[in-house]
Amino acid sequence: MDEDESEEADLSDELEEADFFLQQGLLDDAREALRNLAAFYPGHRGVEARLAEVERRRAPAARAAAPAPPHPPLGGPVHETPALTPPPGTDDSFDIARELAEELGAAPTPAGDDGFQYSVEDVFNQFKKGVEQTVRPEDSATHYDLGIAYKEMGLLEDAVKEFETALRGNDRKREVDCLSMIGVCQLSRGQPREAVAAFRRALASELLTRDAAKALHHDLGVAYQEAGDPEAALHHLQKVNRVDPGYRDVAERVRALGGGPGKAPAGEARAPARTAAAPPAPGPKKNIGYL
């Protein structure tokens, strides 16, 4: 396939999965999916643009993980709380993550004559105060981007708080993404039951898409597995395995659990998506039971 054909190829369906991974902060999965596409469609602008975005979003976490210099120079510049409103057309979560990484990277300031020294925690707390003063609670987009930035830096408890704030904000379209990320963070924190609750709420959302459902059934299976409920884990993992056995590590997990259909926990289908939402008006039943 020549370059012109590659660029003009309609990969909207193929790129949808990569876009979902990017929205969820699953950068390794996004990069793998995009590299596979790049092998078949070299030079495709949509693929290359998303690969570049993956690398940009991975950069802040890499900088944050780098060790600080043992003896930073005295008399360095004073770091003010960064502006959190990025210019139009930029990657919000990347900009916020970069600014926060720079703030935290500047934290180990050597002690002065009075013996006082700022810690990473001091700088981060100051950053959060700036967020509270600058970002409105109802601003779902910015709180979601902050959650992604905190998650990429391993600040999982703070990430959960930001996703919860975003969930209560003014953009209900982010409902599934917020709940999914809360579940991912809780799972990483070693709180599988809290992860289960978040994933179940996401699956019950009226805004659920097919690709999101597949990811959620996988992650819910993992959460149940880590919570010590193999039957519930199999129930959800098999939903994915039946339609896409090559999806992530689902086949391997099903084998490790001994196969079988599994069993859904009692009352799972009744899990609410938004506790504050009013009941829907009577009308034709909408089938959103993906998988």
Protein backbone atom coordinates (compact mmCIF):
# COMPACT_ATOMS: atom_id res chain seq x y z
CA MET A 1 0.00 0.00 0.00
CA ASP A 2 1.47 3.37 -1.02
CA GLU A 3 1.57 6.40 1.26
CA ASP A 4 -1.45 8.12 -0.30
CA GLU A 5 -3.65 5.07 0.13
CA SER A 6 -2.44 4.64 3.70
CA GLU A 7 -3.28 8.23 4.60
CA GLU A 8 -6.71 8.04 3.00
CA ALA A 9 -7.69 4.70 4.56
CA ASP A 10 -10.75 4.93 6.81
CA LEU A 11 -9.53 3.56 10.15
CA SER A 12 -12.25 5.10 12.29
CA ASP A 13 -13.29 1.74 13.73
CA GLU A 14 -9.71 0.64 14.35
CA LEU A 15 -8.77 3.97 15.94
CA GLU A 16 -11.80 3.95 18.23
CA GLU A 17 -10.18 1.36 20.50
CA ALA A 18 -6.94 3.37 20.68
CA ASP A 19 -8.92 6.52 21.49
CA PHE A 20 -10.67 4.70 24.33
CA PHE A 21 -7.34 3.56 25.76
CA LEU A 22 -6.10 7.16 25.61
CA GLN A 23 -9.21 8.43 27.37
CA GLN A 24 -8.70 5.87 30.12
CA GLY A 25 -5.00 6.69 30.53
CA LEU A 26 -4.02 3.15 29.40
CA LEU A 27 -1.04 4.41 27.44
CA ASP A 28 0.74 1.06 26.99
CA ASP A 29 -2.40 -0.51 25.52
CA ALA A 30 -2.92 2.49 23.25
CA ARG A 31 0.67 2.37 22.03
CA GLU A 32 0.49 -1.36 21.28
CA ALA A 33 -2.76 -0.99 19.32
CA LEU A 34 -1.41 1.96 17.34
CA ARG A 35 1.89 0.26 16.54
CA ASN A 36 -0.03 -2.70 15.13
CA LEU A 37 -2.00 -0.31 12.91
CA ALA A 38 1.18 1.50 11.86
CA ALA A 39 2.66 -1.78 10.65
CA PHE A 40 -0.23 -2.22 8.20
CA TYR A 41 -0.84 1.46 7.40
CA PRO A 42 2.57 3.18 7.43
CA GLY A 43 2.35 6.94 7.26
CA HIS A 44 -1.33 7.13 8.23
CA ARG A 45 -1.77 10.58 9.73
CA GLY A 46 -4.38 9.53 12.29
CA VAL A 47 -2.19 6.71 13.57
CA GLU A 48 0.94 8.85 13.70
CA ALA A 49 -0.86 11.69 15.49
CA ARG A 50 -2.13 9.37 18.19
CA LEU A 51 1.27 7.71 18.61
CA ALA A 52 2.77 11.16 19.10
CA GLU A 53 0.10 11.94 21.69
CA VAL A 54 0.90 8.71 23.56
CA GLU A 55 4.57 9.64 23.73
CA ARG A 56 3.74 13.18 24.87
CA ARG A 57 1.55 11.87 27.67
CA ARG A 58 4.13 9.33 28.78
CA ALA A 59 6.80 12.01 29.12
CA PRO A 60 5.53 13.70 32.33
CA ALA A 61 5.40 10.44 34.26
CA ALA A 62 8.92 9.58 33.12
CA ARG A 63 10.20 12.97 34.27
CA ALA A 64 8.41 12.67 37.59
CA ALA A 65 9.97 9.25 38.17
CA ALA A 66 13.52 10.49 37.48
CA PRO A 67 15.64 10.97 40.63
CA ALA A 68 16.19 14.55 41.70
CA PRO A 69 19.78 15.86 41.60
CA PRO A 70 21.49 15.33 44.98
CA HIS A 71 22.71 18.93 45.31
CA PRO A 72 20.52 21.38 43.39
CA PRO A 73 21.95 24.89 43.09
CA LEU A 74 21.19 27.44 45.77
CA GLY A 75 19.05 30.45 45.02
CA GLY A 76 16.89 28.77 42.36
CA PRO A 77 13.80 30.45 40.96
CA VAL A 78 10.63 30.63 43.01
CA HIS A 79 7.92 28.37 41.53
CA GLU A 80 4.47 29.88 41.61
CA THR A 81 1.29 27.84 41.38
CA PRO A 82 0.95 27.10 37.62
CA ALA A 83 -1.97 28.34 35.57
CA LEU A 84 -4.30 25.42 34.98
CA THR A 85 -6.16 26.69 31.92
CA PRO A 86 -4.25 25.46 28.85
CA PRO A 87 -4.37 27.25 25.50
CA PRO A 88 -7.02 26.03 23.04
CA GLY A 89 -6.10 22.96 21.02
CA THR A 90 -3.60 21.51 23.50
CA ASP A 91 -3.71 18.25 25.41
CA ASP A 92 -5.09 19.40 28.77
CA SER A 93 -4.02 16.40 30.80
CA PHE A 94 -0.52 16.53 29.34
CA ASP A 95 -0.10 20.23 30.16
CA ILE A 96 -1.31 19.79 33.73
CA ALA A 97 0.83 16.70 34.24
CA ARG A 98 3.89 18.52 32.91
CA GLU A 99 3.33 21.51 35.17
CA LEU A 100 2.79 19.32 38.20
CA ALA A 101 5.87 17.24 37.39
CA GLU A 102 7.93 20.42 37.19
CA GLU A 103 6.54 21.58 40.53
CA LEU A 104 7.32 18.27 42.22
CA GLY A 105 10.70 18.04 40.54
CA ALA A 106 11.62 21.39 42.05
CA ALA A 107 10.61 20.38 45.57
CA PRO A 108 13.88 19.13 47.15
CA THR A 109 15.21 22.63 47.86
CA PRO A 110 18.33 22.65 50.07
CA ALA A 111 17.98 24.05 53.57
CA GLY A 112 18.82 27.71 54.04
CA ASP A 113 20.40 29.43 57.00
CA ASP A 114 17.30 28.87 59.12
CA GLY A 115 17.32 25.13 58.44
CA PHE A 116 13.89 25.22 56.73
CA GLN A 117 13.38 22.93 53.75
CA TYR A 118 10.38 22.42 51.49
CA SER A 119 9.38 18.81 50.87
CA VAL A 120 7.63 17.27 47.89
CA GLU A 121 4.50 17.08 50.04
CA ASP A 122 4.72 20.82 50.80
CA VAL A 123 4.93 21.70 47.11
CA PHE A 124 2.12 19.32 46.17
CA ASN A 125 -0.14 20.70 48.90
CA GLN A 126 0.54 24.20 47.61
CA PHE A 127 -0.32 23.04 44.10
CA LYS A 128 -3.64 21.61 45.34
CA LYS A 129 -4.46 24.89 47.08
CA GLY A 130 -3.94 26.60 43.76
CA VAL A 131 -6.31 24.12 42.13
CA GLU A 132 -9.00 24.82 44.72
CA GLN A 133 -8.67 28.55 44.14
CA THR A 134 -8.54 28.32 40.34
CA VAL A 135 -10.74 25.43 39.22
CA ARG A 136 -14.48 25.40 39.84
CA PRO A 137 -15.89 22.18 41.37
CA GLU A 138 -18.32 21.82 38.46
CA ASP A 139 -15.52 21.94 35.85
CA SER A 140 -15.58 18.25 34.95
CA ALA A 141 -13.00 18.53 32.17
CA THR A 142 -10.22 20.06 34.26
CA HIS A 143 -10.83 17.82 37.27
CA TYR A 144 -10.78 14.77 34.98
CA ASP A 145 -7.48 15.91 33.44
CA LEU A 146 -6.04 16.47 36.92
CA GLY A 147 -7.11 12.95 37.84
CA ILE A 148 -5.26 11.57 34.81
CA ALA A 149 -2.16 13.58 35.71
CA TYR A 150 -2.20 12.40 39.32
CA LYS A 151 -2.77 8.79 38.23
CA GLU A 152 0.18 8.84 35.85
CA MET A 153 2.38 10.03 38.72
CA GLY A 154 1.16 7.35 41.12
CA LEU A 155 -0.84 9.80 43.27
CA LEU A 156 -3.80 7.44 43.28
CA GLU A 157 -5.78 8.73 46.25
CA ASP A 158 -5.68 12.26 44.88
CA ALA A 159 -6.58 10.93 41.43
CA VAL A 160 -9.68 9.22 42.82
CA LYS A 161 -10.79 12.47 44.48
CA GLU A 162 -10.41 14.37 41.21
CA PHE A 163 -12.37 11.76 39.24
CA GLU A 164 -15.12 11.83 41.88
CA THR A 165 -15.26 15.63 41.60
CA ALA A 166 -15.39 15.38 37.80
CA LEU A 167 -18.23 12.85 38.11
CA ARG A 168 -20.29 15.36 40.11
CA GLY A 169 -19.52 18.16 37.65
CA ASN A 170 -21.23 19.62 34.62
CA ASP A 171 -20.33 17.06 31.95
CA ARG A 172 -22.29 13.86 32.26
CA LYS A 173 -20.68 12.56 29.06
CA ARG A 174 -17.62 11.79 31.19
CA GLU A 175 -19.60 9.55 33.54
CA VAL A 176 -18.30 6.23 32.22
CA ASP A 177 -14.73 7.52 31.92
CA CYS A 178 -14.73 8.89 35.47
CA LEU A 179 -16.15 5.72 36.99
CA SER A 180 -13.76 3.56 34.96
CA MET A 181 -10.76 5.55 36.14
CA ILE A 182 -11.94 5.45 39.76
CA GLY A 183 -12.07 1.67 39.44
CA VAL A 184 -8.62 1.47 37.85
CA CYS A 185 -7.12 3.63 40.61
CA GLN A 186 -8.83 1.68 43.40
CA LEU A 187 -7.55 -1.56 41.90
CA SER A 188 -4.01 -0.15 41.80
CA ARG A 189 -4.42 0.92 45.44
CA GLY A 190 -5.21 -2.66 46.45
CA GLN A 191 -8.90 -1.91 47.02
CA PRO A 192 -10.63 -4.41 44.70
CA ARG A 193 -14.06 -4.13 46.34
CA GLU A 194 -14.10 -0.37 45.81
CA ALA A 195 -12.98 -1.01 42.22
CA VAL A 196 -15.86 -3.48 41.75
CA ALA A 197 -18.37 -0.87 42.91
CA ALA A 198 -17.04 1.74 40.47
CA PHE A 199 -16.90 -0.64 37.51
CA ARG A 200 -20.44 -1.87 38.17
CA ARG A 201 -21.77 1.68 38.23
CA ALA A 202 -20.01 2.37 34.94
CA LEU A 203 -21.54 -0.73 33.34
CA ALA A 204 -25.01 0.44 34.42
CA SER A 205 -24.58 3.85 32.79
CA GLU A 206 -26.94 4.87 29.99
CA LEU A 207 -23.91 6.34 28.21
CA LEU A 208 -22.04 3.04 27.94
CA THR A 209 -20.54 2.17 24.55
CA ARG A 210 -19.67 -1.27 23.22
CA ASP A 211 -15.90 -0.76 23.49
CA ALA A 212 -16.21 0.70 26.98
CA ALA A 213 -18.33 -2.28 28.03
CA LYS A 214 -15.67 -4.69 26.84
CA ALA A 215 -12.96 -2.91 28.81
CA LEU A 216 -15.17 -2.71 31.90
CA HIS A 217 -16.11 -6.39 31.86
CA HIS A 218 -12.40 -7.23 31.65
CA ASP A 219 -11.46 -4.89 34.48
CA LEU A 220 -14.41 -5.98 36.60
CA GLY A 221 -13.29 -9.58 36.16
CA VAL A 222 -9.79 -8.64 37.31
CA ALA A 223 -11.22 -6.81 40.32
CA TYR A 224 -13.35 -9.78 41.34
CA GLN A 225 -10.34 -12.06 40.87
CA GLU A 226 -8.24 -9.91 43.19
CA ALA A 227 -11.14 -9.74 45.64
CA GLY A 228 -11.12 -13.54 45.90
CA ASP A 229 -14.33 -14.21 43.94
CA PRO A 230 -13.28 -16.45 41.01
CA GLU A 231 -16.83 -17.27 39.90
CA ALA A 232 -17.76 -13.62 39.52
CA ALA A 233 -14.41 -13.00 37.82
CA LEU A 234 -15.08 -15.75 35.28
CA HIS A 235 -18.59 -14.46 34.65
CA HIS A 236 -17.24 -11.13 33.42
CA LEU A 237 -14.04 -12.35 31.78
CA GLN A 238 -15.97 -14.90 29.75
CA LYS A 239 -18.22 -12.15 28.39
CA VAL A 240 -15.12 -10.66 26.79
CA ASN A 241 -13.48 -13.98 25.92
CA ARG A 242 -16.50 -15.15 23.93
CA VAL A 243 -16.51 -12.14 21.61
CA ASP A 244 -12.79 -11.24 21.54
CA PRO A 245 -10.44 -13.92 22.93
CA GLY A 246 -7.44 -11.86 21.84
CA TYR A 247 -8.42 -8.90 24.00
CA ARG A 248 -5.60 -8.00 26.39
CA ASP A 249 -4.93 -10.94 28.78
CA VAL A 250 -8.50 -12.22 29.00
CA ALA A 251 -7.82 -15.72 27.59
CA GLU A 252 -4.89 -16.21 29.97
CA ARG A 253 -6.97 -15.15 32.97
CA VAL A 254 -9.84 -17.45 31.99
CA ARG A 255 -7.43 -20.38 31.76
CA ALA A 256 -5.85 -19.49 35.11
CA LEU A 257 -9.30 -19.56 36.71
CA GLY A 258 -10.06 -22.98 35.28
CA GLY A 259 -12.54 -21.95 32.60
CA GLY A 260 -16.25 -22.41 33.03
CA PRO A 261 -19.03 -19.84 32.73
CA GLY A 262 -18.68 -18.39 36.22
CA LYS A 263 -21.58 -16.91 38.14
CA ALA A 264 -22.84 -13.35 38.43
CA PRO A 265 -23.06 -11.96 41.98
CA ALA A 266 -26.61 -11.56 43.25
CA GLY A 267 -28.19 -8.21 42.43
CA GLU A 268 -25.38 -7.07 40.16
CA ALA A 269 -27.69 -5.94 37.37
CA ARG A 270 -29.35 -3.48 39.73
CA ALA A 271 -26.19 -1.46 40.43
CA PRO A 272 -26.96 2.26 39.86
CA ALA A 273 -24.84 4.38 37.58
CA ARG A 274 -25.57 7.74 39.25
CA THR A 275 -27.08 7.76 42.70
CA ALA A 276 -28.54 11.23 42.18
CA ALA A 277 -30.18 10.51 38.83
CA ALA A 278 -33.97 10.53 38.55
CA PRO A 279 -35.67 7.33 37.34
CA PRO A 280 -36.22 7.26 33.57
CA ALA A 281 -39.64 8.06 32.17
CA PRO A 282 -41.72 5.10 30.95
CA GLY A 283 -41.11 4.22 27.34
CA PRO A 284 -39.56 1.62 25.06
CA LYS A 285 -36.81 -0.27 26.81
CA LYS A 286 -33.38 0.58 25.50
CA ASN A 287 -31.03 -2.35 25.16
CA ILE A 288 -27.59 -1.29 26.35
CA GLY A 289 -26.53 -4.70 27.59
CA TYR A 290 -23.36 -4.88 25.56
CA LEU A 291 -21.61 -8.23 25.70
